Amino acid sequence: MNNQSSKHNTLLLVAGIAFIIWGILGIMDSKNYTYTGYQSSGDYSIIKVEPGSPAEAAGMQVGDVIKTSGGIAITDSKSLTNRARAKIGEVREFVVNRDGQDVTLQLTYSEMTGKDNTLNMVAFFIGLLFVVLGYYINSKFNTQLSFAFAIFAITFGFTFFPDHILGPGF
């Protein structure tokens, strides 16, 4: 194995280990994940409200368009990203546009449902499988193709990590 190949393999190993550690830390933090019970589209329109969810209790409806979350304009992605993650039991004010009228809602964040926690764990383990498979294939065959596959597998595996692990939601 030449130096260049060794450098690439080391970089690949470090990246794979970093992704795995990041994922494990995220799973360990899963007890702090919050649940709102709504889904929104790219234009911040509510497309789904789960029955019995905090969003339903707050009065959110399909078709509402979120304007602010906790006093921050929804279009101010930098401020939304920089604020603290919501805690279980925390109440945030949402302003939505409903049929041309601004409506203020109080949404109380709850803990993730058992189903969502299970899905997060399954997704993490699928992602982990791809990360390990990518590194294994590259270490076994050590060709340019196996290296390319390893990069693909690690990147693809990373996409399975639950959203809460990758960044803050709102």
N, C-alpha and C. Protein backbone atom coordinates (compact mmCIF):
# COMPACT_ATOMS: atom_id res chain seq x y z
N MET A 1 0.86 -1.17 0.00
CA MET A 1 0.00 0.00 0.00
C MET A 1 0.90 1.23 0.00
N ASN A 2 0.63 2.17 -0.91
CA ASN A 2 1.47 3.36 -0.98
C ASN A 2 1.01 4.41 0.02
N ASN A 3 1.82 5.47 0.17
CA ASN A 3 1.52 6.53 1.13
C ASN A 3 0.19 7.22 0.85
N GLN A 4 -0.06 7.51 -0.42
CA GLN A 4 -1.30 8.19 -0.80
C GLN A 4 -2.50 7.35 -0.38
N SER A 5 -2.44 6.07 -0.67
CA SER A 5 -3.54 5.17 -0.32
C SER A 5 -3.70 5.10 1.20
N SER A 6 -2.60 5.06 1.91
CA SER A 6 -2.64 5.00 3.37
C SER A 6 -3.27 6.26 3.95
N LYS A 7 -2.93 7.42 3.37
CA LYS A 7 -3.53 8.68 3.82
C LYS A 7 -5.04 8.68 3.61
N HIS A 8 -5.44 8.21 2.43
CA HIS A 8 -6.87 8.16 2.13
C HIS A 8 -7.60 7.21 3.07
N ASN A 9 -7.00 6.05 3.33
CA ASN A 9 -7.63 5.08 4.22
C ASN A 9 -7.75 5.62 5.64
N THR A 10 -6.72 6.33 6.08
CA THR A 10 -6.76 6.92 7.42
C THR A 10 -7.85 7.98 7.50
N LEU A 11 -7.93 8.82 6.47
CA LEU A 11 -8.97 9.85 6.43
C LEU A 11 -10.36 9.22 6.43
N LEU A 12 -10.50 8.16 5.66
CA LEU A 12 -11.78 7.45 5.60
C LEU A 12 -12.14 6.86 6.96
N LEU A 13 -11.17 6.27 7.62
CA LEU A 13 -11.40 5.69 8.94
C LEU A 13 -11.80 6.77 9.95
N VAL A 14 -11.08 7.89 9.93
CA VAL A 14 -11.39 8.99 10.86
C VAL A 14 -12.80 9.52 10.60
N ALA A 15 -13.15 9.71 9.33
CA ALA A 15 -14.49 10.21 8.99
C ALA A 15 -15.56 9.22 9.45
N GLY A 16 -15.34 7.94 9.20
CA GLY A 16 -16.30 6.93 9.62
C GLY A 16 -16.47 6.89 11.13
N ILE A 17 -15.36 6.94 11.85
CA ILE A 17 -15.43 6.93 13.32
C ILE A 17 -16.12 8.19 13.83
N ALA A 18 -15.81 9.34 13.22
CA ALA A 18 -16.46 10.60 13.64
C ALA A 18 -17.97 10.52 13.45
N PHE A 19 -18.41 9.99 12.31
CA PHE A 19 -19.84 9.85 12.06
C PHE A 19 -20.48 8.92 13.08
N ILE A 20 -19.81 7.82 13.38
CA ILE A 20 -20.35 6.86 14.34
C ILE A 20 -20.46 7.50 15.73
N ILE A 21 -19.42 8.19 16.16
CA ILE A 21 -19.45 8.85 17.47
C ILE A 21 -20.57 9.89 17.51
N TRP A 22 -20.68 10.68 16.44
CA TRP A 22 -21.73 11.69 16.37
C TRP A 22 -23.11 11.04 16.50
N GLY A 23 -23.29 9.94 15.80
CA GLY A 23 -24.56 9.23 15.86
C GLY A 23 -24.85 8.67 17.23
N ILE A 24 -23.84 8.08 17.87
CA ILE A 24 -24.02 7.51 19.21
C ILE A 24 -24.37 8.61 20.21
N LEU A 25 -23.68 9.74 20.13
CA LEU A 25 -24.00 10.86 21.02
C LEU A 25 -25.43 11.35 20.80
N GLY A 26 -25.85 11.37 19.56
CA GLY A 26 -27.22 11.77 19.26
C GLY A 26 -28.24 10.81 19.83
N ILE A 27 -27.97 9.52 19.70
CA ILE A 27 -28.89 8.52 20.25
C ILE A 27 -28.92 8.62 21.77
N MET A 28 -27.77 8.86 22.39
CA MET A 28 -27.73 9.00 23.85
C MET A 28 -28.55 10.21 24.30
N ASP A 29 -28.66 11.22 23.44
CA ASP A 29 -29.41 12.43 23.77
C ASP A 29 -30.89 12.31 23.42
N SER A 30 -31.31 11.16 22.93
CA SER A 30 -32.68 11.01 22.44
C SER A 30 -33.74 11.25 23.51
N LYS A 31 -33.39 11.10 24.77
CA LYS A 31 -34.37 11.36 25.84
C LYS A 31 -34.77 12.83 25.87
N ASN A 32 -33.98 13.70 25.25
CA ASN A 32 -34.27 15.13 25.23
C ASN A 32 -34.96 15.59 23.95
N TYR A 33 -35.19 14.67 23.02
CA TYR A 33 -35.84 15.05 21.76
C TYR A 33 -37.27 15.48 22.04
N THR A 34 -37.70 16.49 21.32
CA THR A 34 -39.07 16.97 21.50
C THR A 34 -39.94 16.57 20.32
N TYR A 35 -41.23 16.64 20.57
CA TYR A 35 -42.23 16.25 19.57
C TYR A 35 -43.25 17.37 19.47
N THR A 36 -43.55 17.77 18.23
CA THR A 36 -44.55 18.81 18.01
C THR A 36 -45.81 18.25 17.36
N GLY A 37 -45.65 17.25 16.51
CA GLY A 37 -46.80 16.63 15.88
C GLY A 37 -47.29 17.30 14.62
N TYR A 38 -46.45 18.11 14.00
CA TYR A 38 -46.84 18.68 12.71
C TYR A 38 -45.71 18.51 11.72
N GLN A 39 -46.07 18.56 10.45
CA GLN A 39 -45.08 18.56 9.37
C GLN A 39 -45.37 19.77 8.51
N SER A 40 -44.29 20.41 8.04
CA SER A 40 -44.46 21.58 7.18
C SER A 40 -43.70 21.37 5.88
N SER A 41 -44.13 22.11 4.87
CA SER A 41 -43.48 22.02 3.56
C SER A 41 -42.40 23.10 3.48
N GLY A 42 -41.76 23.19 2.33
CA GLY A 42 -40.69 24.15 2.12
C GLY A 42 -41.12 25.59 2.27
N ASP A 43 -42.41 25.87 2.09
CA ASP A 43 -42.88 27.25 2.25
C ASP A 43 -43.50 27.47 3.64
N TYR A 44 -43.22 26.56 4.57
CA TYR A 44 -43.65 26.64 5.96
C TYR A 44 -45.16 26.45 6.14
N SER A 45 -45.81 25.87 5.13
CA SER A 45 -47.23 25.54 5.25
C SER A 45 -47.36 24.23 6.01
N ILE A 46 -48.33 24.16 6.89
CA ILE A 46 -48.58 22.93 7.64
C ILE A 46 -49.26 21.95 6.69
N ILE A 47 -48.63 20.79 6.51
CA ILE A 47 -49.19 19.79 5.61
C ILE A 47 -49.77 18.60 6.36
N LYS A 48 -49.42 18.49 7.66
CA LYS A 48 -49.96 17.37 8.44
C LYS A 48 -49.95 17.75 9.92
N VAL A 49 -51.03 17.44 10.59
CA VAL A 49 -51.13 17.60 12.04
C VAL A 49 -51.56 16.25 12.61
N GLU A 50 -50.72 15.67 13.45
CA GLU A 50 -51.02 14.36 14.04
C GLU A 50 -52.14 14.48 15.07
N PRO A 51 -53.11 13.57 15.02
CA PRO A 51 -54.17 13.58 16.03
C PRO A 51 -53.59 13.37 17.43
N GLY A 52 -54.06 14.16 18.39
CA GLY A 52 -53.60 14.03 19.78
C GLY A 52 -52.24 14.64 20.04
N SER A 53 -51.68 15.34 19.07
CA SER A 53 -50.33 15.90 19.19
C SER A 53 -50.35 17.28 19.84
N PRO A 54 -49.19 17.76 20.27
CA PRO A 54 -49.11 19.13 20.78
C PRO A 54 -49.58 20.17 19.75
N ALA A 55 -49.31 19.93 18.48
CA ALA A 55 -49.74 20.86 17.43
C ALA A 55 -51.26 20.92 17.37
N GLU A 56 -51.91 19.76 17.46
CA GLU A 56 -53.37 19.75 17.45
C GLU A 56 -53.92 20.45 18.69
N ALA A 57 -53.31 20.19 19.85
CA ALA A 57 -53.75 20.83 21.09
C ALA A 57 -53.58 22.35 21.02
N ALA A 58 -52.56 22.81 20.31
CA ALA A 58 -52.32 24.26 20.16
C ALA A 58 -53.29 24.89 19.18
N GLY A 59 -53.93 24.07 18.36
CA GLY A 59 -54.88 24.59 17.38
C GLY A 59 -54.34 24.71 15.97
N MET A 60 -53.18 24.13 15.69
CA MET A 60 -52.64 24.17 14.32
C MET A 60 -53.55 23.39 13.39
N GLN A 61 -53.64 23.88 12.16
CA GLN A 61 -54.47 23.22 11.17
C GLN A 61 -53.70 23.09 9.86
N VAL A 62 -54.02 22.05 9.11
CA VAL A 62 -53.43 21.88 7.79
C VAL A 62 -53.78 23.12 6.97
N GLY A 63 -52.78 23.68 6.30
CA GLY A 63 -52.97 24.89 5.50
C GLY A 63 -52.46 26.14 6.19
N ASP A 64 -52.30 26.09 7.53
CA ASP A 64 -51.70 27.23 8.22
C ASP A 64 -50.30 27.45 7.68
N VAL A 65 -49.85 28.69 7.64
CA VAL A 65 -48.49 29.02 7.22
C VAL A 65 -47.78 29.64 8.41
N ILE A 66 -46.71 29.00 8.86
CA ILE A 66 -45.97 29.49 10.03
C ILE A 66 -45.24 30.77 9.65
N LYS A 67 -45.42 31.81 10.47
CA LYS A 67 -44.73 33.08 10.26
C LYS A 67 -43.62 33.28 11.28
N THR A 68 -43.91 32.96 12.55
CA THR A 68 -42.88 33.07 13.59
C THR A 68 -42.94 31.86 14.51
N SER A 69 -41.81 31.59 15.11
CA SER A 69 -41.69 30.51 16.09
C SER A 69 -40.92 31.07 17.28
N GLY A 70 -41.56 31.17 18.41
CA GLY A 70 -40.89 31.71 19.59
C GLY A 70 -40.45 33.15 19.40
N GLY A 71 -41.20 33.91 18.62
CA GLY A 71 -40.87 35.32 18.40
C GLY A 71 -39.85 35.57 17.30
N ILE A 72 -39.40 34.53 16.63
CA ILE A 72 -38.40 34.67 15.57
C ILE A 72 -39.07 34.39 14.23
N ALA A 73 -38.87 35.30 13.28
CA ALA A 73 -39.44 35.10 11.94
C ALA A 73 -38.92 33.79 11.37
N ILE A 74 -39.81 33.03 10.79
CA ILE A 74 -39.47 31.70 10.27
C ILE A 74 -38.45 31.80 9.14
N THR A 75 -38.39 32.94 8.47
CA THR A 75 -37.43 33.12 7.37
C THR A 75 -36.04 33.48 7.87
N ASP A 76 -35.89 33.73 9.17
CA ASP A 76 -34.58 34.07 9.75
C ASP A 76 -33.91 32.78 10.21
N SER A 77 -33.43 32.02 9.23
CA SER A 77 -32.89 30.69 9.54
C SER A 77 -31.69 30.75 10.47
N LYS A 78 -30.88 31.80 10.39
CA LYS A 78 -29.71 31.90 11.26
C LYS A 78 -30.14 32.01 12.73
N SER A 79 -31.12 32.85 13.01
CA SER A 79 -31.59 33.00 14.39
C SER A 79 -32.27 31.73 14.89
N LEU A 80 -33.03 31.08 14.02
CA LEU A 80 -33.70 29.83 14.41
C LEU A 80 -32.67 28.76 14.74
N THR A 81 -31.61 28.71 13.96
CA THR A 81 -30.56 27.71 14.18
C THR A 81 -29.77 28.00 15.44
N ASN A 82 -29.55 29.27 15.74
CA ASN A 82 -28.71 29.64 16.88
C ASN A 82 -29.42 29.60 18.23
N ARG A 83 -30.73 29.57 18.24
CA ARG A 83 -31.42 29.56 19.53
C ARG A 83 -31.36 28.18 20.16
N ALA A 84 -31.61 28.14 21.44
CA ALA A 84 -31.56 26.88 22.17
C ALA A 84 -32.66 25.94 21.69
N ARG A 85 -32.34 24.67 21.72
CA ARG A 85 -33.31 23.64 21.35
C ARG A 85 -34.45 23.65 22.37
N ALA A 86 -35.66 23.43 21.90
CA ALA A 86 -36.82 23.39 22.79
C ALA A 86 -36.68 22.23 23.76
N LYS A 87 -37.15 22.45 24.97
CA LYS A 87 -37.13 21.41 25.99
C LYS A 87 -38.53 20.82 26.14
N ILE A 88 -38.59 19.60 26.61
CA ILE A 88 -39.87 18.95 26.86
C ILE A 88 -40.63 19.78 27.89
N GLY A 89 -41.87 20.12 27.56
CA GLY A 89 -42.70 20.94 28.45
C GLY A 89 -42.62 22.43 28.17
N GLU A 90 -41.65 22.85 27.37
CA GLU A 90 -41.51 24.27 27.04
C GLU A 90 -42.65 24.71 26.12
N VAL A 91 -43.10 25.93 26.33
CA VAL A 91 -44.16 26.50 25.50
C VAL A 91 -43.54 27.59 24.62
N ARG A 92 -43.81 27.51 23.32
CA ARG A 92 -43.36 28.55 22.39
C ARG A 92 -44.57 29.08 21.64
N GLU A 93 -44.52 30.37 21.41
CA GLU A 93 -45.59 31.01 20.67
C GLU A 93 -45.32 30.90 19.17
N PHE A 94 -46.31 30.43 18.45
CA PHE A 94 -46.24 30.36 17.00
C PHE A 94 -47.28 31.31 16.44
N VAL A 95 -46.89 32.11 15.46
CA VAL A 95 -47.86 32.92 14.73
C VAL A 95 -47.99 32.29 13.36
N VAL A 96 -49.23 31.95 13.01
CA VAL A 96 -49.50 31.34 11.71
C VAL A 96 -50.48 32.22 10.95
N ASN A 97 -50.40 32.15 9.65
CA ASN A 97 -51.37 32.83 8.80
C ASN A 97 -52.41 31.80 8.42
N ARG A 98 -53.65 32.08 8.79
CA ARG A 98 -54.76 31.17 8.48
C ARG A 98 -55.82 31.98 7.73
N ASP A 99 -55.97 31.65 6.47
CA ASP A 99 -56.97 32.33 5.63
C ASP A 99 -56.80 33.85 5.66
N GLY A 100 -55.54 34.31 5.58
CA GLY A 100 -55.26 35.74 5.53
C GLY A 100 -55.22 36.43 6.87
N GLN A 101 -55.49 35.73 7.95
CA GLN A 101 -55.48 36.30 9.30
C GLN A 101 -54.31 35.71 10.08
N ASP A 102 -53.63 36.55 10.88
CA ASP A 102 -52.60 36.04 11.77
C ASP A 102 -53.26 35.47 13.02
N VAL A 103 -52.87 34.25 13.36
CA VAL A 103 -53.40 33.57 14.54
C VAL A 103 -52.21 33.20 15.42
N THR A 104 -52.31 33.51 16.71
CA THR A 104 -51.25 33.19 17.66
C THR A 104 -51.60 31.89 18.38
N LEU A 105 -50.66 30.96 18.39
CA LEU A 105 -50.85 29.65 19.02
C LEU A 105 -49.77 29.42 20.06
N GLN A 106 -50.10 28.72 21.11
CA GLN A 106 -49.13 28.34 22.14
C GLN A 106 -48.89 26.84 22.03
N LEU A 107 -47.71 26.46 21.58
CA LEU A 107 -47.39 25.05 21.38
C LEU A 107 -46.50 24.57 22.52
N THR A 108 -46.93 23.52 23.19
CA THR A 108 -46.15 22.93 24.28
C THR A 108 -45.44 21.69 23.74
N TYR A 109 -44.12 21.71 23.76
CA TYR A 109 -43.33 20.59 23.26
C TYR A 109 -43.47 19.40 24.20
N SER A 110 -43.62 18.22 23.64
CA SER A 110 -43.70 17.01 24.45
C SER A 110 -42.54 16.09 24.08
N GLU A 111 -42.43 14.99 24.82
CA GLU A 111 -41.36 14.04 24.50
C GLU A 111 -41.74 13.25 23.25
N MET A 112 -40.72 12.72 22.60
CA MET A 112 -40.94 11.91 21.41
C MET A 112 -41.78 10.69 21.76
N THR A 113 -42.58 10.27 20.81
CA THR A 113 -43.39 9.07 21.01
C THR A 113 -42.48 7.85 20.93
N GLY A 114 -42.94 6.75 21.50
CA GLY A 114 -42.17 5.51 21.44
C GLY A 114 -41.91 5.07 20.02
N LYS A 115 -42.90 5.26 19.15
CA LYS A 115 -42.76 4.88 17.74
C LYS A 115 -41.64 5.69 17.08
N ASP A 116 -41.61 7.01 17.35
CA ASP A 116 -40.57 7.86 16.76
C ASP A 116 -39.19 7.50 17.28
N ASN A 117 -39.10 7.19 18.57
CA ASN A 117 -37.81 6.78 19.13
C ASN A 117 -37.33 5.49 18.49
N THR A 118 -38.25 4.55 18.29
CA THR A 118 -37.89 3.28 17.64
C THR A 118 -37.42 3.52 16.21
N LEU A 119 -38.15 4.35 15.48
CA LEU A 119 -37.74 4.66 14.10
C LEU A 119 -36.38 5.34 14.06
N ASN A 120 -36.10 6.23 15.01
CA ASN A 120 -34.78 6.87 15.08
C ASN A 120 -33.68 5.84 15.30
N MET A 121 -33.93 4.87 16.19
CA MET A 121 -32.93 3.83 16.45
C MET A 121 -32.70 2.97 15.22
N VAL A 122 -33.78 2.57 14.55
CA VAL A 122 -33.66 1.75 13.34
C VAL A 122 -32.88 2.52 12.27
N ALA A 123 -33.23 3.79 12.08
CA ALA A 123 -32.53 4.60 11.08
C ALA A 123 -31.05 4.72 11.42
N PHE A 124 -30.73 4.93 12.69
CA PHE A 124 -29.33 5.03 13.10
C PHE A 124 -28.59 3.73 12.79
N PHE A 125 -29.18 2.58 13.10
CA PHE A 125 -28.50 1.32 12.85
C PHE A 125 -28.35 1.02 11.36
N ILE A 126 -29.31 1.44 10.55
CA ILE A 126 -29.15 1.30 9.09
C ILE A 126 -27.99 2.17 8.63
N GLY A 127 -27.94 3.41 9.11
CA GLY A 127 -26.84 4.30 8.76
C GLY A 127 -25.50 3.73 9.21
N LEU A 128 -25.47 3.19 10.42
CA LEU A 128 -24.25 2.58 10.96
C LEU A 128 -23.80 1.41 10.09
N LEU A 129 -24.74 0.62 9.63
CA LEU A 129 -24.43 -0.51 8.75
C LEU A 129 -23.71 -0.03 7.49
N PHE A 130 -24.22 1.04 6.87
CA PHE A 130 -23.58 1.56 5.66
C PHE A 130 -22.18 2.11 5.95
N VAL A 131 -22.02 2.81 7.06
CA VAL A 131 -20.70 3.35 7.41
C VAL A 131 -19.70 2.22 7.58
N VAL A 132 -20.07 1.20 8.34
CA VAL A 132 -19.17 0.06 8.58
C VAL A 132 -18.92 -0.71 7.29
N LEU A 133 -19.97 -0.93 6.50
CA LEU A 133 -19.83 -1.65 5.23
C LEU A 133 -18.87 -0.92 4.29
N GLY A 134 -19.02 0.40 4.20
CA GLY A 134 -18.13 1.18 3.34
C GLY A 134 -16.68 1.03 3.73
N TYR A 135 -16.40 1.15 5.02
CA TYR A 135 -15.02 1.02 5.46
C TYR A 135 -14.52 -0.41 5.26
N TYR A 136 -15.35 -1.39 5.54
CA TYR A 136 -14.94 -2.79 5.39
C TYR A 136 -14.60 -3.11 3.94
N ILE A 137 -15.46 -2.71 3.00
CA ILE A 137 -15.21 -2.99 1.58
C ILE A 137 -13.91 -2.34 1.13
N ASN A 138 -13.68 -1.11 1.55
CA ASN A 138 -12.44 -0.44 1.15
C ASN A 138 -11.21 -1.11 1.75
N SER A 139 -11.29 -1.51 3.01
CA SER A 139 -10.11 -2.14 3.63
C SER A 139 -9.86 -3.53 3.04
N LYS A 140 -10.91 -4.20 2.59
CA LYS A 140 -10.74 -5.55 2.03
C LYS A 140 -10.15 -5.50 0.62
N PHE A 141 -10.63 -4.58 -0.23
CA PHE A 141 -10.21 -4.56 -1.62
C PHE A 141 -9.18 -3.48 -1.94
N ASN A 142 -9.20 -2.37 -1.24
CA ASN A 142 -8.21 -1.30 -1.37
C ASN A 142 -7.96 -0.88 -2.81
N THR A 143 -9.03 -0.62 -3.54
CA THR A 143 -8.92 -0.11 -4.92
C THR A 143 -9.59 1.26 -4.97
N GLN A 144 -9.42 1.94 -6.10
CA GLN A 144 -10.08 3.23 -6.26
C GLN A 144 -11.60 3.06 -6.21
N LEU A 145 -12.08 1.99 -6.81
CA LEU A 145 -13.51 1.74 -6.81
C LEU A 145 -14.03 1.47 -5.39
N SER A 146 -13.28 0.68 -4.63
CA SER A 146 -13.73 0.40 -3.26
C SER A 146 -13.67 1.67 -2.40
N PHE A 147 -12.69 2.54 -2.67
CA PHE A 147 -12.60 3.81 -1.95
C PHE A 147 -13.81 4.69 -2.29
N ALA A 148 -14.15 4.75 -3.58
CA ALA A 148 -15.32 5.53 -4.01
C ALA A 148 -16.59 4.96 -3.37
N PHE A 149 -16.69 3.63 -3.34
CA PHE A 149 -17.85 3.01 -2.71
C PHE A 149 -17.90 3.35 -1.22
N ALA A 150 -16.75 3.34 -0.57
CA ALA A 150 -16.70 3.64 0.86
C ALA A 150 -17.18 5.07 1.12
N ILE A 151 -16.75 6.01 0.30
CA ILE A 151 -17.21 7.39 0.47
C ILE A 151 -18.72 7.46 0.28
N PHE A 152 -19.21 6.78 -0.77
CA PHE A 152 -20.66 6.75 -1.00
C PHE A 152 -21.38 6.13 0.19
N ALA A 153 -20.91 4.99 0.66
CA ALA A 153 -21.59 4.27 1.74
C ALA A 153 -21.61 5.09 3.03
N ILE A 154 -20.49 5.72 3.36
CA ILE A 154 -20.44 6.54 4.57
C ILE A 154 -21.39 7.73 4.45
N THR A 155 -21.35 8.39 3.29
CA THR A 155 -22.24 9.54 3.08
C THR A 155 -23.70 9.10 3.08
N PHE A 156 -23.99 8.00 2.40
CA PHE A 156 -25.36 7.49 2.35
C PHE A 156 -25.81 7.07 3.74
N GLY A 157 -24.94 6.40 4.47
CA GLY A 157 -25.28 5.99 5.82
C GLY A 157 -25.58 7.17 6.72
N PHE A 158 -24.84 8.24 6.53
CA PHE A 158 -25.03 9.44 7.34
C PHE A 158 -26.42 10.04 7.12
N THR A 159 -26.97 9.88 5.92
CA THR A 159 -28.30 10.43 5.64
C THR A 159 -29.39 9.72 6.44
N PHE A 160 -29.10 8.54 6.96
CA PHE A 160 -30.07 7.82 7.77
C PHE A 160 -30.10 8.30 9.21
N PHE A 161 -29.08 9.05 9.62
CA PHE A 161 -29.08 9.54 10.99
C PHE A 161 -30.28 10.44 11.16
N PRO A 162 -31.03 10.29 12.24
CA PRO A 162 -32.23 11.10 12.44
C PRO A 162 -31.93 12.59 12.43
N ASP A 163 -32.93 13.37 12.01
CA ASP A 163 -32.78 14.82 11.91
C ASP A 163 -32.32 15.46 13.21
N HIS A 164 -32.77 14.95 14.32
CA HIS A 164 -32.41 15.56 15.60
C HIS A 164 -30.92 15.45 15.87
N ILE A 165 -30.29 14.45 15.30
CA ILE A 165 -28.86 14.27 15.49
C ILE A 165 -28.09 15.26 14.63
N LEU A 166 -28.64 15.58 13.47
CA LEU A 166 -27.93 16.43 12.52
C LEU A 166 -28.03 17.91 12.84
N GLY A 167 -29.05 18.34 13.51
CA GLY A 167 -29.17 19.76 13.79
C GLY A 167 -30.44 20.08 14.54
N PRO A 168 -30.55 21.33 14.98
CA PRO A 168 -31.72 21.70 15.75
C PRO A 168 -32.94 21.89 14.87
N GLY A 169 -34.05 21.50 15.32
CA GLY A 169 -35.29 21.79 14.62
C GLY A 169 -35.93 23.01 15.23
N PHE A 170 -37.10 23.27 14.89
CA PHE A 170 -37.85 24.32 15.59
C PHE A 170 -39.24 23.80 15.76
